[in-house]
Protein backbone atom coordinates (compact mmCIF):
# COMPACT_ATOMS: atom_id res chain seq x y z
CA MET A 1 190.30 28.14 148.81
CA ASN A 2 191.43 31.15 146.78
CA LEU A 3 189.20 31.60 143.75
CA ASN A 4 190.85 34.77 142.42
CA ARG A 5 192.79 33.09 139.59
CA PRO A 6 189.85 31.06 138.22
CA TYR A 7 187.53 34.06 138.57
CA PHE A 8 189.81 36.39 136.62
CA LEU A 9 190.52 33.71 134.02
CA LEU A 10 186.79 33.26 133.42
CA PHE A 11 186.07 37.00 133.56
CA ASN A 12 188.70 37.73 130.91
CA ALA A 13 187.54 34.85 128.71
CA ILE A 14 183.94 36.08 128.89
CA THR A 15 185.07 39.58 127.96
CA ASP A 16 187.07 38.21 125.02
CA ALA A 17 184.19 35.97 123.92
CA LEU A 18 181.74 38.88 123.97
CA CYS A 19 184.02 40.85 121.65
CA MET A 20 184.25 37.84 119.36
CA LEU A 21 180.47 37.47 119.33
CA GLU A 22 180.11 41.12 118.34
CA ASN A 23 182.33 40.28 115.36
CA GLN A 24 180.24 37.17 114.66
CA ASN A 25 183.18 34.88 115.35
CA TYR A 26 181.04 32.21 116.99
CA GLY A 27 183.40 29.24 116.76
CA HIS A 28 186.35 31.07 118.27
CA SER A 29 184.11 32.48 121.00
CA ARG A 30 182.85 29.02 121.90
CA GLU A 31 186.40 27.62 121.96
CA THR A 32 187.61 30.49 124.16
CA LEU A 33 184.87 29.81 126.70
CA ARG A 34 185.39 26.05 126.59
CA CYS A 35 189.13 26.37 127.21
CA ALA A 36 188.62 28.88 130.01
CA ARG A 37 186.10 26.62 131.71
CA GLN A 38 188.54 23.71 131.56
CA LYS A 39 191.48 25.79 132.86
CA ALA A 40 189.39 27.24 135.69
CA GLU A 41 188.24 23.77 136.70
CA GLU A 42 191.83 22.53 136.69
CA LEU A 43 192.93 25.46 138.87
CA ILE A 44 190.14 24.83 141.36
CA LEU A 45 190.85 21.10 141.53
CA ALA A 46 194.58 21.67 141.92
CA GLU A 47 193.98 24.10 144.74
CA SER A 48 191.55 21.78 146.51
CA ASP A 49 194.15 18.98 146.26
CA ASP A 50 196.71 21.28 147.90
CA ALA A 51 194.35 22.28 150.72
CA PRO A 52 195.01 20.62 154.08
CA ASP A 53 192.42 18.12 155.24
CA GLY A 54 190.36 19.30 158.06
């Protein structure tokens, strides 16, 4: 399983959220992290569905 895409998605979202927190934009920071978590999970599940059984 290739985890590069989910890793970079989460890494970038964390970086963005940290900047938002520095600006005290707590709601947007939380939403950014929540969306990134959901997208990363979807990427991982989609890739595991595509993986051959074995």
